Amino acid sequence: MAPPDGNPHVFRPDGTRFHPSPAEIEPDALFYVEPHDLAGITWPVRWSFVDEVAAPGDGFFPPWHFDAVRAVRAMAGPDVSVHGEVFSPFSQVLELLDCTAGLMALVEDPGRIRACLDRLAEGAVAFACGQVAAGADAILISSAFAGAGLISRRHYTEFVLPCERKVVAGIKARHDVPVYTHTCGAIGDRLDLMEATGTNGIDTLDPPPLGTVEIGEAKRRTAGRLFLKGNIDPVNTVLLGTPDAVRAAARQRILTAGPGGGYVLSTACSVPPKAPPTNILRLREAAEAFGCYPQPEAEP
């Protein structure tokens, strides 16, 4: 099933979605979990509707996994930055087990979860490096389940930070490319922990009421060590706001977080599919009007 405004979901004939239990998972058999494969999540891992199990290690990812990066690289040319994406090991675990079962396993079987995360970090590094080899200029680590709405700082430190640090270090050991982190929702209380992973930047920075990040405070706390991307409310501003409201919000973010560099204007998370095109154009106009260096005088 493909929702009109979301990712496709794969259901079994009885109408349920497949998720193994934590006890069924053998950490050594893990390498990478792709929740949006054509056949959905499978365990043991199989690609699309192929019967053969994908063995961890070299050859785990079929060549077509990198075709999109190659195609965009060829089409975009050298003047456009092409970014690849991998799921954080923590996101992979929660997608594989289902969010509720995965979160319960943090308490009930933390040793198994840590072993799974460590193994999945190896696959994330391999997938990221394959994308760089195919032409990606930077890698985004998608870590959507790591905000305060789902886990505490303690659980972030115990489960997310070590595996994402391993992913960042593994990519950088092989390629000199930026690696940055996408985490949705309430992350204002863990920017320091995200920085400790070794990431080069933080993406989404959802503002209130969707999240807990005030862009000026985030700029102060990261002090130029990371780049910051986002903070434009995708719902209340981009989807429901007026073009003038979008432009004003973009201008405020640029003038607050832009000085000294290191800010990328964008919506906090994805662009709502039903957002008015005029509102999207206002973001571009604001970037061109206020986002150059040296920065122009602020409008009255």
C-alpha atoms as a PDB file:
ATOM      1  CA  MET A   1       0.000   0.000   0.000  1.00  0.00           C
ATOM      2  CA  ALA A   2       1.339   3.451  -0.921  1.00  0.00           C
ATOM      3  CA  PRO A   3      -0.200   6.258   1.157  1.00  0.00           C
ATOM      4  CA  PRO A   4      -0.688   9.436  -0.883  1.00  0.00           C
ATOM      5  CA  ASP A   5       1.573  11.434   1.432  1.00  0.00           C
ATOM      6  CA  GLY A   6       3.917   8.898   3.017  1.00  0.00           C
ATOM      7  CA  ASN A   7       6.216   5.920   2.539  1.00  0.00           C
ATOM      8  CA  PRO A   8       4.837   2.684   1.063  1.00  0.00           C
ATOM      9  CA  HIS A   9       3.864  -0.034   3.531  1.00  0.00           C
ATOM     10  CA  VAL A  10       3.982  -3.751   2.784  1.00  0.00           C
ATOM     11  CA  PHE A  11       1.314  -5.962   4.371  1.00  0.00           C
ATOM     12  CA  ARG A  12       0.974  -9.731   4.541  1.00  0.00           C
ATOM     13  CA  PRO A  13      -2.128 -11.415   3.083  1.00  0.00           C
ATOM     14  CA  ASP A  14      -3.811 -11.346   6.505  1.00  0.00           C
ATOM     15  CA  GLY A  15      -3.477  -7.557   6.674  1.00  0.00           C
ATOM     16  CA  THR A  16      -0.657  -7.431   9.226  1.00  0.00           C
ATOM     17  CA  ARG A  17       2.895  -6.145   8.859  1.00  0.00           C
ATOM     18  CA  PHE A  18       5.804  -8.464   9.567  1.00  0.00           C
ATOM     19  CA  HIS A  19       8.055  -7.857  12.579  1.00  0.00           C
ATOM     20  CA  PRO A  20      10.166 -10.556  14.233  1.00  0.00           C
ATOM     21  CA  SER A  21      10.423 -10.666  18.011  1.00  0.00           C
ATOM     22  CA  PRO A  22      13.676  -9.645  19.709  1.00  0.00           C
ATOM     23  CA  ALA A  23      14.299 -13.275  20.679  1.00  0.00           C
ATOM     24  CA  GLU A  24      14.243 -14.310  17.008  1.00  0.00           C
ATOM     25  CA  ILE A  25      17.073 -11.955  16.035  1.00  0.00           C
ATOM     26  CA  GLU A  26      20.619 -13.294  15.905  1.00  0.00           C
ATOM     27  CA  PRO A  27      22.914 -10.250  16.020  1.00  0.00           C
ATOM     28  CA  ASP A  28      25.670 -11.957  14.001  1.00  0.00           C
ATOM     29  CA  ALA A  29      23.225 -12.473  11.122  1.00  0.00           C
ATOM     30  CA  LEU A  30      22.437  -8.748  10.908  1.00  0.00           C
ATOM     31  CA  PHE A  31      24.121  -6.298   8.570  1.00  0.00           C
ATOM     32  CA  TYR A  32      21.616  -3.672   7.406  1.00  0.00           C
ATOM     33  CA  VAL A  33      17.822  -3.370   7.671  1.00  0.00           C
ATOM     34  CA  GLU A  34      16.032  -1.513   4.857  1.00  0.00           C
ATOM     35  CA  PRO A  35      12.466  -0.788   6.020  1.00  0.00           C
ATOM     36  CA  HIS A  36      11.356   0.575   2.649  1.00  0.00           C
ATOM     37  CA  ASP A  37      12.424  -2.317   0.436  1.00  0.00           C
ATOM     38  CA  LEU A  38       9.832  -3.349  -2.165  1.00  0.00           C
ATOM     39  CA  ALA A  39       8.959  -6.448  -0.121  1.00  0.00           C
ATOM     40  CA  GLY A  40       9.042  -4.626   3.185  1.00  0.00           C
ATOM     41  CA  ILE A  41      11.096  -5.832   6.131  1.00  0.00           C
ATOM     42  CA  THR A  42      12.158  -9.463   5.889  1.00  0.00           C
ATOM     43  CA  TRP A  43      13.993 -11.669   8.348  1.00  0.00           C
ATOM     44  CA  PRO A  44      16.404 -13.165   7.454  1.00  0.00           C
ATOM     45  CA  VAL A  45      17.075 -10.335   5.025  1.00  0.00           C
ATOM     46  CA  ARG A  46      16.032 -10.850   1.405  1.00  0.00           C
ATOM     47  CA  TRP A  47      15.902  -8.131  -1.240  1.00  0.00           C
ATOM     48  CA  SER A  48      12.649  -7.376  -3.017  1.00  0.00           C
ATOM     49  CA  PHE A  49      10.967 -10.697  -3.779  1.00  0.00           C
ATOM     50  CA  VAL A  50      14.152 -12.747  -4.225  1.00  0.00           C
ATOM     51  CA  ASP A  51      14.207 -15.981  -2.220  1.00  0.00           C
ATOM     52  CA  GLU A  52      17.950 -15.971  -1.576  1.00  0.00           C
ATOM     53  CA  VAL A  53      19.031 -14.632   1.823  1.00  0.00           C
ATOM     54  CA  ALA A  54      21.401 -11.638   1.659  1.00  0.00           C
ATOM     55  CA  ALA A  55      24.591 -12.676   3.441  1.00  0.00           C
ATOM     56  CA  PRO A  56      26.337 -10.030   5.601  1.00  0.00           C
ATOM     57  CA  GLY A  57      29.548  -8.598   4.194  1.00  0.00           C
ATOM     58  CA  ASP A  58      30.752  -7.944   0.667  1.00  0.00           C
ATOM     59  CA  GLY A  59      27.966  -8.371  -1.852  1.00  0.00           C
ATOM     60  CA  PHE A  60      25.186  -7.749   0.673  1.00  0.00           C
ATOM     61  CA  PHE A  61      23.877  -4.743  -1.263  1.00  0.00           C
ATOM     62  CA  PRO A  62      22.793  -5.424  -4.855  1.00  0.00           C
ATOM     63  CA  PRO A  63      24.392  -3.056  -7.401  1.00  0.00           C
ATOM     64  CA  TRP A  64      21.046  -1.391  -8.094  1.00  0.00           C
ATOM     65  CA  HIS A  65      21.052  -0.005  -4.564  1.00  0.00           C
ATOM     66  CA  PHE A  66      23.418   2.680  -5.838  1.00  0.00           C
ATOM     67  CA  ASP A  67      21.794   3.401  -9.204  1.00  0.00           C
ATOM     68  CA  ALA A  68      19.842   6.423  -7.951  1.00  0.00           C
ATOM     69  CA  VAL A  69      22.998   8.129  -6.673  1.00  0.00           C
ATOM     70  CA  ARG A  70      24.802   7.420  -9.941  1.00  0.00           C
ATOM     71  CA  ALA A  71      21.894   8.758 -11.988  1.00  0.00           C
ATOM     72  CA  VAL A  72      21.541  11.959  -9.961  1.00  0.00           C
ATOM     73  CA  ARG A  73      25.294  12.503  -9.991  1.00  0.00           C
ATOM     74  CA  ALA A  74      25.388  12.184 -13.761  1.00  0.00           C
ATOM     75  CA  MET A  75      22.399  14.470 -14.237  1.00  0.00           C
ATOM     76  CA  ALA A  76      23.370  17.107 -11.665  1.00  0.00           C
ATOM     77  CA  GLY A  77      26.934  17.660 -12.775  1.00  0.00           C
ATOM     78  CA  PRO A  78      29.736  18.976 -10.579  1.00  0.00           C
ATOM     79  CA  ASP A  79      27.969  22.106  -9.316  1.00  0.00           C
ATOM     80  CA  VAL A  80      25.221  20.352  -7.338  1.00  0.00           C
ATOM     81  CA  SER A  81      25.840  18.645  -4.003  1.00  0.00           C
ATOM     82  CA  VAL A  82      24.451  15.091  -4.020  1.00  0.00           C
ATOM     83  CA  HIS A  83      23.760  13.498  -0.645  1.00  0.00           C
ATOM     84  CA  GLY A  84      23.320   9.837   0.254  1.00  0.00           C
ATOM     85  CA  GLU A  85      21.424   8.489   3.249  1.00  0.00           C
ATOM     86  CA  VAL A  86      21.681   5.552   5.645  1.00  0.00           C
ATOM     87  CA  PHE A  87      19.478   4.591   8.555  1.00  0.00           C
ATOM     88  CA  SER A  88      21.016   4.827  11.996  1.00  0.00           C
ATOM     89  CA  PRO A  89      21.484   1.386  13.585  1.00  0.00           C
ATOM     90  CA  PHE A  90      19.009   2.460  16.267  1.00  0.00           C
ATOM     91  CA  SER A  91      16.394   3.308  13.639  1.00  0.00           C
ATOM     92  CA  GLN A  92      17.029  -0.023  11.938  1.00  0.00           C
ATOM     93  CA  VAL A  93      16.385  -1.933  15.156  1.00  0.00           C
ATOM     94  CA  LEU A  94      13.122  -0.122  15.832  1.00  0.00           C
ATOM     95  CA  GLU A  95      11.956  -0.577  12.250  1.00  0.00           C
ATOM     96  CA  LEU A  96      12.822  -4.293  12.339  1.00  0.00           C
ATOM     97  CA  LEU A  97      11.188  -5.076  15.690  1.00  0.00           C
ATOM     98  CA  ASP A  98       8.412  -2.450  15.545  1.00  0.00           C
ATOM     99  CA  CYS A  99       8.770   0.677  17.641  1.00  0.00           C
ATOM    100  CA  THR A 100       6.929  -0.564  20.739  1.00  0.00           C
ATOM    101  CA  ALA A 101       8.699  -3.920  20.910  1.00  0.00           C
ATOM    102  CA  GLY A 102      12.039  -2.297  20.176  1.00  0.00           C
ATOM    103  CA  LEU A 103      11.692   0.269  22.952  1.00  0.00           C
ATOM    104  CA  MET A 104      10.626  -2.431  25.418  1.00  0.00           C
ATOM    105  CA  ALA A 105      13.697  -4.464  24.448  1.00  0.00           C
ATOM    106  CA  LEU A 106      15.948  -1.599  25.572  1.00  0.00           C
ATOM    107  CA  VAL A 107      14.819  -2.421  29.103  1.00  0.00           C
ATOM    108  CA  GLU A 108      14.153  -6.150  28.857  1.00  0.00           C
ATOM    109  CA  ASP A 109      17.117  -7.291  26.743  1.00  0.00           C
ATOM    110  CA  PRO A 110      19.640  -4.432  26.508  1.00  0.00           C
ATOM    111  CA  GLY A 111      22.594  -6.737  25.832  1.00  0.00           C
ATOM    112  CA  ARG A 112      20.982  -8.173  22.709  1.00  0.00           C
ATOM    113  CA  ILE A 113      20.050  -4.695  21.494  1.00  0.00           C
ATOM    114  CA  ARG A 114      23.606  -3.426  21.964  1.00  0.00           C
ATOM    115  CA  ALA A 115      24.928  -6.410  20.015  1.00  0.00           C
ATOM    116  CA  CYS A 116      22.429  -5.729  17.217  1.00  0.00           C
ATOM    117  CA  LEU A 117      23.379  -2.057  17.084  1.00  0.00           C
ATOM    118  CA  ASP A 118      27.077  -2.855  16.908  1.00  0.00           C
ATOM    119  CA  ARG A 119      26.526  -5.245  14.023  1.00  0.00           C
ATOM    120  CA  LEU A 120      24.193  -2.894  12.140  1.00  0.00           C
ATOM    121  CA  ALA A 121      26.763  -0.111  12.378  1.00  0.00           C
ATOM    122  CA  GLU A 122      29.050  -2.165  10.132  1.00  0.00           C
ATOM    123  CA  GLY A 123      26.370  -2.430   7.477  1.00  0.00           C
ATOM    124  CA  ALA A 124      25.549   1.277   7.682  1.00  0.00           C
ATOM    125  CA  VAL A 125      29.205   2.112   7.065  1.00  0.00           C
ATOM    126  CA  ALA A 126      29.339  -0.239   4.080  1.00  0.00           C
ATOM    127  CA  PHE A 127      26.147   1.202   2.590  1.00  0.00           C
ATOM    128  CA  ALA A 128      27.322   4.787   3.090  1.00  0.00           C
ATOM    129  CA  CYS A 129      30.698   4.095   1.526  1.00  0.00           C
ATOM    130  CA  GLY A 130      28.981   2.460  -1.448  1.00  0.00           C
ATOM    131  CA  GLN A 131      26.991   5.641  -1.972  1.00  0.00           C
ATOM    132  CA  VAL A 132      30.103   7.793  -1.780  1.00  0.00           C
ATOM    133  CA  ALA A 133      31.775   5.546  -4.346  1.00  0.00           C
ATOM    134  CA  ALA A 134      28.716   6.031  -6.560  1.00  0.00           C
ATOM    135  CA  GLY A 135      29.071   9.813  -6.386  1.00  0.00           C
ATOM    136  CA  ALA A 136      27.545  11.090  -3.135  1.00  0.00           C
ATOM    137  CA  ASP A 137      29.237  14.203  -1.733  1.00  0.00           C
ATOM    138  CA  ALA A 138      27.880  13.813   1.813  1.00  0.00           C
ATOM    139  CA  ILE A 139      26.039  11.237   3.911  1.00  0.00           C
ATOM    140  CA  LEU A 140      22.978  11.790   6.081  1.00  0.00           C
ATOM    141  CA  ILE A 141      22.398   9.436   9.015  1.00  0.00           C
ATOM    142  CA  SER A 142      18.640   9.167   9.475  1.00  0.00           C
ATOM    143  CA  SER A 143      17.995   8.765  13.204  1.00  0.00           C
ATOM    144  CA  ALA A 144      14.325   9.621  13.547  1.00  0.00           C
ATOM    145  CA  PHE A 145      13.683   7.577  16.696  1.00  0.00           C
ATOM    146  CA  ALA A 146      16.345   9.238  18.865  1.00  0.00           C
ATOM    147  CA  GLY A 147      14.461  12.314  20.110  1.00  0.00           C
ATOM    148  CA  ALA A 148      13.160  12.991  23.612  1.00  0.00           C
ATOM    149  CA  GLY A 149       9.651  11.971  22.592  1.00  0.00           C
ATOM    150  CA  LEU A 150      10.877   8.364  22.438  1.00  0.00           C
ATOM    151  CA  ILE A 151      14.019   7.924  24.541  1.00  0.00           C
ATOM    152  CA  SER A 152      15.763   9.671  27.430  1.00  0.00           C
ATOM    153  CA  ARG A 153      19.225  11.194  27.432  1.00  0.00           C
ATOM    154  CA  ARG A 154      20.420   8.132  29.353  1.00  0.00           C
ATOM    155  CA  HIS A 155      19.123   5.746  26.713  1.00  0.00           C
ATOM    156  CA  TYR A 156      20.523   7.973  23.973  1.00  0.00           C
ATOM    157  CA  THR A 157      23.941   7.794  25.651  1.00  0.00           C
ATOM    158  CA  GLU A 158      23.699   4.028  26.109  1.00  0.00           C
ATOM    159  CA  PHE A 159      22.234   2.940  22.774  1.00  0.00           C
ATOM    160  CA  VAL A 160      22.404   5.685  20.129  1.00  0.00           C
ATOM    161  CA  LEU A 161      25.637   7.548  20.749  1.00  0.00           C
ATOM    162  CA  PRO A 162      28.044   4.552  20.555  1.00  0.00           C
ATOM    163  CA  CYS A 163      26.640   3.099  17.346  1.00  0.00           C
ATOM    164  CA  GLU A 164      26.323   6.430  15.540  1.00  0.00           C
ATOM    165  CA  ARG A 165      29.856   7.330  16.601  1.00  0.00           C
ATOM    166  CA  LYS A 166      30.977   4.057  15.032  1.00  0.00           C
ATOM    167  CA  VAL A 167      29.113   4.858  11.805  1.00  0.00           C
ATOM    168  CA  VAL A 168      30.561   8.370  11.542  1.00  0.00           C
ATOM    169  CA  ALA A 169      34.099   7.175  12.294  1.00  0.00           C
ATOM    170  CA  GLY A 170      33.804   4.275   9.862  1.00  0.00           C
ATOM    171  CA  ILE A 171      32.732   6.493   6.973  1.00  0.00           C
ATOM    172  CA  LYS A 172      35.365   9.104   7.682  1.00  0.00           C
ATOM    173  CA  ALA A 173      38.092   6.484   7.907  1.00  0.00           C
ATOM    174  CA  ARG A 174      37.446   5.684   4.236  1.00  0.00           C
ATOM    175  CA  HIS A 175      36.179   8.931   2.720  1.00  0.00           C
ATOM    176  CA  ASP A 176      36.716  12.635   3.332  1.00  0.00           C
ATOM    177  CA  VAL A 177      33.060  13.651   3.144  1.00  0.00           C
ATOM    178  CA  PRO A 178      30.695  15.465   5.526  1.00  0.00           C
ATOM    179  CA  VAL A 179      28.484  13.199   7.620  1.00  0.00           C
ATOM    180  CA  TYR A 180      25.466  14.718   9.335  1.00  0.00           C
ATOM    181  CA  THR A 181      22.526  13.553  11.441  1.00  0.00           C
ATOM    182  CA  HIS A 182      18.760  13.808  10.991  1.00  0.00           C
ATOM    183  CA  THR A 183      16.706  13.505  14.181  1.00  0.00           C
ATOM    184  CA  CYS A 184      13.116  14.727  14.374  1.00  0.00           C
ATOM    185  CA  GLY A 185      11.170  16.223  17.241  1.00  0.00           C
ATOM    186  CA  ALA A 186      12.418  17.208  20.671  1.00  0.00           C
ATOM    187  CA  ILE A 187      16.225  17.263  20.520  1.00  0.00           C
ATOM    188  CA  GLY A 188      16.935  20.518  22.336  1.00  0.00           C
ATOM    189  CA  ASP A 189      18.107  18.561  25.381  1.00  0.00           C
ATOM    190  CA  ARG A 190      20.622  16.396  23.471  1.00  0.00           C
ATOM    191  CA  LEU A 191      22.490  18.556  20.993  1.00  0.00           C
ATOM    192  CA  ASP A 192      25.666  17.923  22.993  1.00  0.00           C
ATOM    193  CA  LEU A 193      25.171  14.153  22.774  1.00  0.00           C
ATOM    194  CA  MET A 194      24.559  14.367  19.046  1.00  0.00           C
ATOM    195  CA  GLU A 195      27.761  16.363  18.651  1.00  0.00           C
ATOM    196  CA  ALA A 196      29.625  13.678  20.613  1.00  0.00           C
ATOM    197  CA  THR A 197      28.929  11.172  17.821  1.00  0.00           C
ATOM    198  CA  GLY A 198      31.420  13.062  15.668  1.00  0.00           C
ATOM    199  CA  THR A 199      28.755  14.295  13.270  1.00  0.00           C
ATOM    200  CA  ASN A 200      29.471  17.361  11.153  1.00  0.00           C
ATOM    201  CA  GLY A 201      25.957  18.752  11.377  1.00  0.00           C
ATOM    202  CA  ILE A 202      22.447  18.397  12.757  1.00  0.00           C
ATOM    203  CA  ASP A 203      19.353  18.343  10.581  1.00  0.00           C
ATOM    204  CA  THR A 204      15.713  19.212  11.328  1.00  0.00           C
ATOM    205  CA  LEU A 205      16.047  21.237  14.567  1.00  0.00           C
ATOM    206  CA  ASP A 206      12.244  21.243  14.912  1.00  0.00           C
ATOM    207  CA  PRO A 207      11.079  24.472  16.571  1.00  0.00           C
ATOM    208  CA  PRO A 208       8.253  24.627  19.120  1.00  0.00           C
ATOM    209  CA  PRO A 209       5.554  23.324  19.064  1.00  0.00           C
ATOM    210  CA  LEU A 210       6.811  20.441  16.901  1.00  0.00           C
ATOM    211  CA  GLY A 211      10.130  20.220  18.728  1.00  0.00           C
ATOM    212  CA  THR A 212      12.252  21.988  21.315  1.00  0.00           C
ATOM    213  CA  VAL A 213      14.975  23.812  19.382  1.00  0.00           C
ATOM    214  CA  GLU A 214      15.333  27.593  19.409  1.00  0.00           C
ATOM    215  CA  ILE A 215      17.767  28.265  16.595  1.00  0.00           C
ATOM    216  CA  GLY A 216      19.655  31.036  18.392  1.00  0.00           C
ATOM    217  CA  GLU A 217      20.288  28.799  21.391  1.00  0.00           C
ATOM    218  CA  ALA A 218      21.365  25.927  19.142  1.00  0.00           C
ATOM    219  CA  LYS A 219      23.791  28.246  17.350  1.00  0.00           C
ATOM    220  CA  ARG A 220      25.245  29.368  20.675  1.00  0.00           C
ATOM    221  CA  ARG A 221      25.601  25.844  22.041  1.00  0.00           C
ATOM    222  CA  THR A 222      27.285  24.413  18.964  1.00  0.00           C
ATOM    223  CA  ALA A 223      29.515  27.499  18.585  1.00  0.00           C
ATOM    224  CA  GLY A 224      30.481  26.916  14.963  1.00  0.00           C
ATOM    225  CA  ARG A 225      31.646  23.341  15.523  1.00  0.00           C
ATOM    226  CA  LEU A 226      28.678  21.914  13.582  1.00  0.00           C
ATOM    227  CA  PHE A 227      26.553  23.128  10.741  1.00  0.00           C
ATOM    228  CA  LEU A 228      22.839  23.484  11.476  1.00  0.00           C
ATOM    229  CA  LYS A 229      20.101  22.723   8.964  1.00  0.00           C
ATOM    230  CA  GLY A 230      16.367  23.373   9.208  1.00  0.00           C
ATOM    231  CA  ASN A 231      14.190  24.901  11.956  1.00  0.00           C
ATOM    232  CA  ILE A 232      11.436  26.163   9.614  1.00  0.00           C
ATOM    233  CA  ASP A 233       8.181  24.659  10.939  1.00  0.00           C
ATOM    234  CA  PRO A 234       6.975  22.429   8.062  1.00  0.00           C
ATOM    235  CA  VAL A 235       3.388  22.254   9.329  1.00  0.00           C
ATOM    236  CA  ASN A 236       2.391  25.567  10.860  1.00  0.00           C
ATOM    237  CA  THR A 237       4.569  27.698   8.573  1.00  0.00           C
ATOM    238  CA  VAL A 238       5.182  25.904   5.263  1.00  0.00           C
ATOM    239  CA  LEU A 239       1.926  23.961   5.004  1.00  0.00           C
ATOM    240  CA  LEU A 240      -0.538  26.251   6.787  1.00  0.00           C
ATOM    241  CA  GLY A 241       1.189  29.646   6.731  1.00  0.00           C
ATOM    242  CA  THR A 242       1.036  32.480   4.238  1.00  0.00           C
ATOM    243  CA  PRO A 243       3.848  33.217   1.768  1.00  0.00           C
ATOM    244  CA  ASP A 244       4.746  36.300   3.809  1.00  0.00           C
ATOM    245  CA  ALA A 245       4.920  34.211   6.993  1.00  0.00           C
ATOM    246  CA  VAL A 246       7.246  31.725   5.302  1.00  0.00           C
ATOM    247  CA  ARG A 247       9.539  34.489   4.096  1.00  0.00           C
ATOM    248  CA  ALA A 248       9.592  36.133   7.530  1.00  0.00           C
ATOM    249  CA  ALA A 249      10.409  32.836   9.247  1.00  0.00           C
ATOM    250  CA  ALA A 250      13.202  32.111   6.776  1.00  0.00           C
ATOM    251  CA  ARG A 251      14.641  35.597   7.173  1.00  0.00           C
ATOM    252  CA  GLN A 252      14.631  35.279  10.961  1.00  0.00           C
ATOM    253  CA  ARG A 253      16.502  31.933  10.829  1.00  0.00           C
ATOM    254  CA  ILE A 254      19.105  33.211   8.397  1.00  0.00           C
ATOM    255  CA  LEU A 255      19.774  36.403  10.327  1.00  0.00           C
ATOM    256  CA  THR A 256      19.948  34.489  13.613  1.00  0.00           C
ATOM    257  CA  ALA A 257      21.941  31.412  12.618  1.00  0.00           C
ATOM    258  CA  GLY A 258      23.716  32.656   9.498  1.00  0.00           C
ATOM    259  CA  PRO A 259      26.419  34.949  10.950  1.00  0.00           C
ATOM    260  CA  GLY A 260      29.757  33.190  10.777  1.00  0.00           C
ATOM    261  CA  GLY A 261      28.384  30.565   8.391  1.00  0.00           C
ATOM    262  CA  GLY A 262      27.271  27.041   9.134  1.00  0.00           C
ATOM    263  CA  TYR A 263      23.532  27.386   8.631  1.00  0.00           C
ATOM    264  CA  VAL A 264      21.523  25.667   5.866  1.00  0.00           C
ATOM    265  CA  LEU A 265      18.037  27.010   5.288  1.00  0.00           C
ATOM    266  CA  SER A 266      15.401  24.296   4.994  1.00  0.00           C
ATOM    267  CA  THR A 267      12.208  23.020   6.499  1.00  0.00           C
ATOM    268  CA  ALA A 268      12.708  21.335   9.853  1.00  0.00           C
ATOM    269  CA  CYS A 269      11.771  17.927   8.465  1.00  0.00           C
ATOM    270  CA  SER A 270      10.366  16.958   5.094  1.00  0.00           C
ATOM    271  CA  VAL A 271       8.406  19.360   2.925  1.00  0.00           C
ATOM    272  CA  PRO A 272       4.690  18.562   3.377  1.00  0.00           C
ATOM    273  CA  PRO A 273       3.419  17.040   0.109  1.00  0.00           C
ATOM    274  CA  LYS A 274       0.445  19.399   0.086  1.00  0.00           C
ATOM    275  CA  ALA A 275       2.410  22.566   0.873  1.00  0.00           C
ATOM    276  CA  PRO A 276       1.519  25.444  -1.478  1.00  0.00           C
ATOM    277  CA  PRO A 277       4.202  25.813  -4.165  1.00  0.00           C
ATOM    278  CA  THR A 278       4.271  29.564  -3.505  1.00  0.00           C
ATOM    279  CA  ASN A 279       5.453  28.887   0.036  1.00  0.00           C
ATOM    280  CA  ILE A 280       8.324  26.737  -1.222  1.00  0.00           C
ATOM    281  CA  LEU A 281       9.337  29.509  -3.615  1.00  0.00           C
ATOM    282  CA  ARG A 282       9.426  31.947  -0.694  1.00  0.00           C
ATOM    283  CA  LEU A 283      12.112  29.823   0.958  1.00  0.00           C
ATOM    284  CA  ARG A 284      14.271  30.096  -2.144  1.00  0.00           C
ATOM    285  CA  GLU A 285      13.647  33.818  -2.395  1.00  0.00           C
ATOM    286  CA  ALA A 286      14.653  34.294   1.239  1.00  0.00           C
ATOM    287  CA  ALA A 287      17.837  32.294   0.731  1.00  0.00           C
ATOM    288  CA  GLU A 288      18.795  34.472  -2.222  1.00  0.00           C
ATOM    289  CA  ALA A 289      17.838  37.719  -0.461  1.00  0.00           C
ATOM    290  CA  PHE A 290      19.417  37.095   2.954  1.00  0.00           C
ATOM    291  CA  GLY A 291      21.708  34.089   2.639  1.00  0.00           C
ATOM    292  CA  CYS A 292      24.747  35.527   0.889  1.00  0.00           C
ATOM    293  CA  TYR A 293      28.013  36.584   2.549  1.00  0.00           C
ATOM    294  CA  PRO A 294      28.713  39.205   3.636  1.00  0.00           C
ATOM    295  CA  GLN A 295      25.110  39.375   4.707  1.00  0.00           C
ATOM    296  CA  PRO A 296      23.029  42.336   3.539  1.00  0.00           C
ATOM    297  CA  GLU A 297      21.535  44.796   5.907  1.00  0.00           C
ATOM    298  CA  ALA A 298      18.416  43.475   7.620  1.00  0.00           C
ATOM    299  CA  GLU A 299      15.159  44.671   6.164  1.00  0.00           C
ATOM    300  CA  PRO A 300      13.139  47.023   8.327  1.00  0.00           C
END
